[in-house]
Amino acid sequence: MGSRYGKTVRDNLRKVIETQIKKYKCPSCSRVAVKRKSHGVWECRKCGKKFASGAYEFFKVREEEKIENEEK
């Protein structure tokens, strides 16, 4: 991206790309090996498990949120 789009837009895009490329901790095997496979699909390279999460950043659902959703 050249200078035509502005510094703020380029900085925001850089942050999004860095979070996509970053490796995250696997909830099942606890290794830092989870990488983005496609939009919202993340895969652990060590244990091979796949997770559904955010499109740009991996996050796991907290236990409290799971319990609240099951009660409804």
N, C-alpha and C. Protein backbone atom coordinates (compact mmCIF):
# COMPACT_ATOMS: atom_id res chain seq x y z
N MET A 1 0.84 -1.17 0.00
CA MET A 1 0.00 0.00 0.00
C MET A 1 0.88 1.24 0.00
N GLY A 2 0.62 2.10 -0.88
CA GLY A 2 1.39 3.33 -0.99
C GLY A 2 0.89 4.40 -0.04
N SER A 3 1.32 5.60 -0.27
CA SER A 3 0.95 6.70 0.62
C SER A 3 -0.46 7.22 0.36
N ARG A 4 -1.15 6.71 -0.62
CA ARG A 4 -2.46 7.27 -0.99
C ARG A 4 -3.54 6.97 0.05
N TYR A 5 -3.40 5.93 0.87
CA TYR A 5 -4.47 5.55 1.79
C TYR A 5 -4.34 6.17 3.17
N GLY A 6 -3.22 6.75 3.53
CA GLY A 6 -3.07 7.38 4.83
C GLY A 6 -2.45 6.47 5.86
N LYS A 7 -1.79 7.07 6.82
CA LYS A 7 -1.06 6.33 7.84
C LYS A 7 -1.98 5.55 8.77
N THR A 8 -3.10 6.13 9.17
CA THR A 8 -4.01 5.47 10.10
C THR A 8 -4.59 4.19 9.49
N VAL A 9 -4.98 4.24 8.25
CA VAL A 9 -5.54 3.07 7.58
C VAL A 9 -4.48 1.98 7.45
N ARG A 10 -3.27 2.36 7.09
CA ARG A 10 -2.19 1.38 6.97
C ARG A 10 -1.85 0.76 8.31
N ASP A 11 -1.85 1.55 9.38
CA ASP A 11 -1.56 1.01 10.72
C ASP A 11 -2.64 0.04 11.17
N ASN A 12 -3.91 0.38 10.92
CA ASN A 12 -5.00 -0.53 11.29
C ASN A 12 -4.92 -1.84 10.51
N LEU A 13 -4.61 -1.76 9.24
CA LEU A 13 -4.48 -2.96 8.42
C LEU A 13 -3.31 -3.82 8.90
N ARG A 14 -2.22 -3.19 9.28
CA ARG A 14 -1.05 -3.92 9.78
C ARG A 14 -1.41 -4.70 11.05
N LYS A 15 -2.19 -4.08 11.96
CA LYS A 15 -2.59 -4.75 13.20
C LYS A 15 -3.45 -5.98 12.90
N VAL A 16 -4.37 -5.85 11.95
CA VAL A 16 -5.25 -6.97 11.59
C VAL A 16 -4.44 -8.11 10.99
N ILE A 17 -3.51 -7.79 10.11
CA ILE A 17 -2.69 -8.83 9.47
C ILE A 17 -1.80 -9.52 10.49
N GLU A 18 -1.26 -8.76 11.46
CA GLU A 18 -0.41 -9.37 12.49
C GLU A 18 -1.21 -10.33 13.36
N THR A 19 -2.46 -10.00 13.70
CA THR A 19 -3.26 -10.91 14.52
C THR A 19 -3.65 -12.16 13.74
N GLN A 20 -3.80 -12.06 12.42
CA GLN A 20 -4.10 -13.24 11.61
C GLN A 20 -2.92 -14.19 11.56
N ILE A 21 -1.72 -13.67 11.44
CA ILE A 21 -0.52 -14.49 11.26
C ILE A 21 -0.03 -15.07 12.58
N LYS A 22 -0.31 -14.39 13.69
CA LYS A 22 0.19 -14.79 15.01
C LYS A 22 -0.28 -16.20 15.38
N LYS A 23 0.56 -16.93 16.12
CA LYS A 23 0.18 -18.24 16.63
C LYS A 23 -0.43 -18.06 18.02
N TYR A 24 -1.45 -18.86 18.32
CA TYR A 24 -2.16 -18.77 19.59
C TYR A 24 -2.05 -20.08 20.35
N LYS A 25 -2.37 -20.03 21.64
CA LYS A 25 -2.29 -21.21 22.51
C LYS A 25 -3.51 -22.10 22.28
N CYS A 26 -3.26 -23.38 22.11
CA CYS A 26 -4.32 -24.35 21.87
C CYS A 26 -5.05 -24.66 23.19
N PRO A 27 -6.39 -24.60 23.21
CA PRO A 27 -7.13 -24.91 24.43
C PRO A 27 -7.05 -26.38 24.82
N SER A 28 -6.79 -27.29 23.89
CA SER A 28 -6.79 -28.71 24.23
C SER A 28 -5.40 -29.24 24.60
N CYS A 29 -4.36 -28.85 23.86
CA CYS A 29 -3.02 -29.38 24.17
C CYS A 29 -2.09 -28.34 24.81
N SER A 30 -2.54 -27.11 24.95
CA SER A 30 -1.81 -26.02 25.62
C SER A 30 -0.49 -25.65 24.96
N ARG A 31 -0.34 -25.91 23.69
CA ARG A 31 0.86 -25.49 22.96
C ARG A 31 0.53 -24.28 22.10
N VAL A 32 1.53 -23.48 21.84
CA VAL A 32 1.34 -22.30 20.99
C VAL A 32 1.49 -22.76 19.54
N ALA A 33 0.39 -23.28 18.98
CA ALA A 33 0.46 -23.87 17.65
C ALA A 33 -0.81 -23.66 16.84
N VAL A 34 -1.73 -22.84 17.31
CA VAL A 34 -2.99 -22.62 16.59
C VAL A 34 -2.78 -21.53 15.55
N LYS A 35 -3.07 -21.86 14.30
CA LYS A 35 -2.95 -20.90 13.20
C LYS A 35 -4.26 -20.83 12.44
N ARG A 36 -4.45 -19.73 11.75
CA ARG A 36 -5.67 -19.49 10.99
C ARG A 36 -5.67 -20.33 9.72
N LYS A 37 -6.74 -21.09 9.52
CA LYS A 37 -6.89 -21.92 8.33
C LYS A 37 -7.69 -21.18 7.26
N SER A 38 -8.81 -20.58 7.65
CA SER A 38 -9.64 -19.77 6.76
C SER A 38 -10.48 -18.85 7.63
N HIS A 39 -11.48 -18.19 7.05
CA HIS A 39 -12.31 -17.25 7.81
C HIS A 39 -13.00 -17.96 8.96
N GLY A 40 -12.62 -17.65 10.18
CA GLY A 40 -13.27 -18.22 11.36
C GLY A 40 -12.88 -19.65 11.68
N VAL A 41 -11.98 -20.26 10.94
CA VAL A 41 -11.55 -21.63 11.19
C VAL A 41 -10.08 -21.60 11.58
N TRP A 42 -9.79 -22.16 12.75
CA TRP A 42 -8.43 -22.19 13.28
C TRP A 42 -8.05 -23.63 13.55
N GLU A 43 -6.79 -23.99 13.33
CA GLU A 43 -6.35 -25.37 13.49
C GLU A 43 -5.05 -25.43 14.27
N CYS A 44 -4.98 -26.38 15.20
CA CYS A 44 -3.75 -26.61 15.95
C CYS A 44 -2.84 -27.50 15.12
N ARG A 45 -1.62 -27.07 14.94
CA ARG A 45 -0.68 -27.84 14.11
C ARG A 45 -0.08 -29.02 14.86
N LYS A 46 -0.21 -29.06 16.18
CA LYS A 46 0.34 -30.18 16.96
C LYS A 46 -0.67 -31.31 17.12
N CYS A 47 -1.86 -30.97 17.64
CA CYS A 47 -2.84 -32.03 17.90
C CYS A 47 -3.85 -32.19 16.77
N GLY A 48 -3.91 -31.25 15.83
CA GLY A 48 -4.78 -31.37 14.67
C GLY A 48 -6.23 -30.98 14.88
N LYS A 49 -6.59 -30.49 16.06
CA LYS A 49 -7.98 -30.11 16.32
C LYS A 49 -8.30 -28.79 15.63
N LYS A 50 -9.55 -28.67 15.18
CA LYS A 50 -10.02 -27.45 14.53
C LYS A 50 -10.99 -26.74 15.46
N PHE A 51 -10.95 -25.41 15.41
CA PHE A 51 -11.80 -24.59 16.26
C PHE A 51 -12.50 -23.54 15.42
N ALA A 52 -13.72 -23.20 15.81
CA ALA A 52 -14.44 -22.08 15.21
C ALA A 52 -14.27 -20.89 16.14
N SER A 53 -13.79 -19.79 15.59
CA SER A 53 -13.52 -18.61 16.42
C SER A 53 -13.68 -17.37 15.56
N GLY A 54 -13.05 -16.29 15.97
CA GLY A 54 -13.15 -15.04 15.23
C GLY A 54 -12.50 -15.13 13.86
N ALA A 55 -12.91 -14.26 12.97
CA ALA A 55 -12.37 -14.28 11.61
C ALA A 55 -10.94 -13.79 11.56
N TYR A 56 -10.58 -12.86 12.44
CA TYR A 56 -9.25 -12.27 12.39
C TYR A 56 -8.41 -12.60 13.61
N GLU A 57 -9.04 -12.98 14.73
CA GLU A 57 -8.31 -13.24 15.96
C GLU A 57 -8.90 -14.46 16.65
N PHE A 58 -8.04 -15.34 17.17
CA PHE A 58 -8.48 -16.55 17.84
C PHE A 58 -8.82 -16.23 19.29
N PHE A 59 -9.99 -16.67 19.73
CA PHE A 59 -10.36 -16.54 21.14
C PHE A 59 -11.21 -17.74 21.50
N LYS A 60 -11.14 -18.13 22.75
CA LYS A 60 -11.96 -19.25 23.19
C LYS A 60 -13.08 -18.74 24.07
N VAL A 61 -14.20 -19.44 24.07
CA VAL A 61 -15.36 -19.03 24.84
C VAL A 61 -15.11 -19.40 26.29
N ARG A 62 -15.38 -18.46 27.18
CA ARG A 62 -15.17 -18.72 28.60
C ARG A 62 -16.23 -19.70 29.10
N GLU A 63 -15.90 -20.42 30.17
CA GLU A 63 -16.81 -21.43 30.71
C GLU A 63 -18.12 -20.80 31.20
N GLU A 64 -18.05 -19.57 31.78
CA GLU A 64 -19.27 -18.93 32.27
C GLU A 64 -20.25 -18.66 31.13
N GLU A 65 -19.72 -18.25 29.98
CA GLU A 65 -20.59 -17.97 28.84
C GLU A 65 -21.22 -19.26 28.31
N LYS A 66 -20.49 -20.36 28.33
CA LYS A 66 -21.05 -21.64 27.88
C LYS A 66 -22.21 -22.06 28.77
N ILE A 67 -22.03 -21.92 30.09
CA ILE A 67 -23.07 -22.32 31.04
C ILE A 67 -24.32 -21.46 30.86
N GLU A 68 -24.14 -20.14 30.70
CA GLU A 68 -25.28 -19.25 30.51
C GLU A 68 -26.03 -19.59 29.23
N ASN A 69 -25.32 -19.92 28.16
CA ASN A 69 -25.97 -20.25 26.90
C ASN A 69 -26.73 -21.56 26.98
N GLU A 70 -26.21 -22.52 27.75
CA GLU A 70 -26.88 -23.81 27.88
C GLU A 70 -28.16 -23.69 28.71
N GLU A 71 -28.17 -22.77 29.70
CA GLU A 71 -29.35 -22.60 30.54
C GLU A 71 -30.51 -21.98 29.79
N LYS A 72 -30.23 -21.18 28.78
CA LYS A 72 -31.28 -20.51 28.01
C LYS A 72 -31.92 -21.47 27.09
